[in-house]
Amino acid sequence: MNKIFLLCVLGVVATIVAVTIFKIPLNTIFFFGILLACPLMHFFMMSGRHDHQAKDKKV
């Protein structure tokens, strides 16, 4: 759980740095954040899934 918290904090820090130092508009950051949210959520939701039926079947 600490790794996820660290990634969230780093994401906030990266956003602040991008807006203040690199002058990237906030709406651009939100757009790409939403664009990346879908595959990231899919990856993390499916990473805990285990296929127990495949282990029981013998081919």
N, C-alpha and C. Protein backbone atom coordinates (compact mmCIF):
# COMPACT_ATOMS: atom_id res chain seq x y z
N MET A 1 0.83 -1.19 0.00
CA MET A 1 0.00 0.00 0.00
C MET A 1 0.87 1.25 0.00
N ASN A 2 2.06 1.17 0.53
CA ASN A 2 2.94 2.33 0.57
C ASN A 2 3.41 2.73 -0.82
N LYS A 3 3.54 1.76 -1.72
CA LYS A 3 3.97 2.07 -3.08
C LYS A 3 2.91 2.90 -3.81
N ILE A 4 1.65 2.57 -3.60
CA ILE A 4 0.57 3.31 -4.25
C ILE A 4 0.52 4.73 -3.71
N PHE A 5 0.68 4.89 -2.40
CA PHE A 5 0.70 6.23 -1.80
C PHE A 5 1.86 7.05 -2.36
N LEU A 6 3.01 6.44 -2.49
CA LEU A 6 4.18 7.14 -3.02
C LEU A 6 3.96 7.56 -4.47
N LEU A 7 3.34 6.69 -5.27
CA LEU A 7 3.04 7.05 -6.66
C LEU A 7 2.05 8.20 -6.75
N CYS A 8 1.07 8.23 -5.86
CA CYS A 8 0.11 9.34 -5.85
C CYS A 8 0.77 10.65 -5.47
N VAL A 9 1.63 10.61 -4.48
CA VAL A 9 2.34 11.83 -4.07
C VAL A 9 3.27 12.30 -5.19
N LEU A 10 3.96 11.39 -5.83
CA LEU A 10 4.83 11.76 -6.95
C LEU A 10 4.03 12.33 -8.13
N GLY A 11 2.83 11.82 -8.34
CA GLY A 11 1.97 12.35 -9.38
C GLY A 11 1.55 13.78 -9.11
N VAL A 12 1.23 14.07 -7.86
CA VAL A 12 0.85 15.44 -7.48
C VAL A 12 2.05 16.38 -7.63
N VAL A 13 3.21 15.94 -7.18
CA VAL A 13 4.42 16.76 -7.29
C VAL A 13 4.77 17.00 -8.76
N ALA A 14 4.65 15.97 -9.58
CA ALA A 14 4.94 16.12 -11.01
C ALA A 14 3.96 17.10 -11.67
N THR A 15 2.71 17.07 -11.24
CA THR A 15 1.72 18.01 -11.78
C THR A 15 2.06 19.44 -11.40
N ILE A 16 2.42 19.66 -10.15
CA ILE A 16 2.77 21.00 -9.69
C ILE A 16 4.01 21.50 -10.43
N VAL A 17 5.00 20.65 -10.60
CA VAL A 17 6.22 21.04 -11.32
C VAL A 17 5.90 21.35 -12.78
N ALA A 18 5.06 20.54 -13.41
CA ALA A 18 4.71 20.75 -14.82
C ALA A 18 3.99 22.08 -15.01
N VAL A 19 3.12 22.43 -14.07
CA VAL A 19 2.35 23.66 -14.21
C VAL A 19 3.21 24.88 -13.90
N THR A 20 4.01 24.81 -12.86
CA THR A 20 4.75 26.00 -12.43
C THR A 20 6.04 26.21 -13.22
N ILE A 21 6.82 25.18 -13.41
CA ILE A 21 8.12 25.36 -14.06
C ILE A 21 8.02 25.29 -15.58
N PHE A 22 7.33 24.28 -16.10
CA PHE A 22 7.27 24.09 -17.54
C PHE A 22 6.10 24.81 -18.20
N LYS A 23 5.25 25.45 -17.41
CA LYS A 23 4.11 26.24 -17.91
C LYS A 23 3.17 25.44 -18.80
N ILE A 24 2.95 24.18 -18.43
CA ILE A 24 1.99 23.35 -19.15
C ILE A 24 0.59 23.68 -18.61
N PRO A 25 -0.38 23.95 -19.50
CA PRO A 25 -1.72 24.29 -19.03
C PRO A 25 -2.35 23.14 -18.25
N LEU A 26 -3.10 23.50 -17.24
CA LEU A 26 -3.70 22.51 -16.36
C LEU A 26 -4.73 21.65 -17.10
N ASN A 27 -5.44 22.22 -18.07
CA ASN A 27 -6.42 21.42 -18.81
C ASN A 27 -5.74 20.35 -19.66
N THR A 28 -4.53 20.59 -20.12
CA THR A 28 -3.78 19.58 -20.87
C THR A 28 -3.39 18.42 -19.95
N ILE A 29 -2.99 18.74 -18.74
CA ILE A 29 -2.62 17.70 -17.77
C ILE A 29 -3.84 16.87 -17.41
N PHE A 30 -5.00 17.52 -17.21
CA PHE A 30 -6.22 16.78 -16.91
C PHE A 30 -6.64 15.89 -18.07
N PHE A 31 -6.48 16.39 -19.29
CA PHE A 31 -6.84 15.59 -20.46
C PHE A 31 -6.01 14.31 -20.53
N PHE A 32 -4.69 14.44 -20.40
CA PHE A 32 -3.85 13.25 -20.47
C PHE A 32 -4.00 12.37 -19.24
N GLY A 33 -4.34 12.97 -18.11
CA GLY A 33 -4.62 12.16 -16.91
C GLY A 33 -5.84 11.28 -17.10
N ILE A 34 -6.89 11.84 -17.68
CA ILE A 34 -8.09 11.05 -17.96
C ILE A 34 -7.81 10.02 -19.04
N LEU A 35 -7.01 10.40 -20.02
CA LEU A 35 -6.66 9.48 -21.10
C LEU A 35 -5.87 8.28 -20.57
N LEU A 36 -5.01 8.50 -19.59
CA LEU A 36 -4.22 7.41 -19.01
C LEU A 36 -4.96 6.65 -17.91
N ALA A 37 -6.02 7.23 -17.37
CA ALA A 37 -6.73 6.60 -16.26
C ALA A 37 -7.37 5.28 -16.67
N CYS A 38 -7.92 5.22 -17.86
CA CYS A 38 -8.62 4.01 -18.30
C CYS A 38 -7.69 2.80 -18.38
N PRO A 39 -6.57 2.86 -19.10
CA PRO A 39 -5.71 1.67 -19.14
C PRO A 39 -5.06 1.34 -17.79
N LEU A 40 -4.77 2.38 -17.00
CA LEU A 40 -4.18 2.11 -15.68
C LEU A 40 -5.18 1.42 -14.76
N MET A 41 -6.42 1.87 -14.77
CA MET A 41 -7.44 1.21 -13.94
C MET A 41 -7.66 -0.22 -14.40
N HIS A 42 -7.68 -0.43 -15.71
CA HIS A 42 -7.85 -1.79 -16.23
C HIS A 42 -6.70 -2.69 -15.78
N PHE A 43 -5.49 -2.17 -15.85
CA PHE A 43 -4.32 -2.95 -15.45
C PHE A 43 -4.37 -3.31 -13.97
N PHE A 44 -4.67 -2.33 -13.12
CA PHE A 44 -4.67 -2.60 -11.68
C PHE A 44 -5.87 -3.43 -11.24
N MET A 45 -6.99 -3.30 -11.93
CA MET A 45 -8.16 -4.11 -11.57
C MET A 45 -7.96 -5.57 -11.96
N MET A 46 -7.27 -5.80 -13.06
CA MET A 46 -7.07 -7.17 -13.52
C MET A 46 -5.84 -7.84 -12.91
N SER A 47 -4.97 -7.08 -12.25
CA SER A 47 -3.74 -7.68 -11.73
C SER A 47 -4.01 -8.59 -10.53
N GLY A 48 -5.08 -8.39 -9.80
CA GLY A 48 -5.39 -9.23 -8.65
C GLY A 48 -6.23 -10.43 -8.98
N ARG A 49 -6.62 -10.56 -10.23
CA ARG A 49 -7.50 -11.65 -10.64
C ARG A 49 -6.69 -12.90 -10.91
N HIS A 50 -7.15 -14.01 -10.35
CA HIS A 50 -6.46 -15.28 -10.55
C HIS A 50 -7.43 -16.28 -11.16
N ASP A 51 -6.94 -17.07 -12.06
CA ASP A 51 -7.77 -18.07 -12.71
C ASP A 51 -7.57 -19.40 -12.00
N HIS A 52 -8.47 -19.68 -11.05
CA HIS A 52 -8.34 -20.91 -10.26
C HIS A 52 -8.87 -22.13 -11.02
N GLN A 53 -9.76 -21.91 -11.98
CA GLN A 53 -10.31 -23.04 -12.71
C GLN A 53 -9.29 -23.66 -13.64
N ALA A 54 -8.38 -22.89 -14.15
CA ALA A 54 -7.36 -23.43 -15.06
C ALA A 54 -6.41 -24.37 -14.33
N LYS A 55 -6.19 -24.13 -13.05
CA LYS A 55 -5.30 -25.01 -12.28
C LYS A 55 -5.96 -26.36 -12.00
N ASP A 56 -7.29 -26.34 -11.85
CA ASP A 56 -8.00 -27.58 -11.53
C ASP A 56 -8.13 -28.49 -12.74
N LYS A 57 -8.20 -27.93 -13.92
CA LYS A 57 -8.36 -28.73 -15.13
C LYS A 57 -7.02 -29.33 -15.55
N LYS A 58 -7.08 -30.62 -15.90
CA LYS A 58 -5.87 -31.27 -16.42
C LYS A 58 -6.13 -31.61 -17.87
N VAL A 59 -5.25 -31.17 -18.72
CA VAL A 59 -5.43 -31.38 -20.16
C VAL A 59 -4.69 -32.59 -20.61
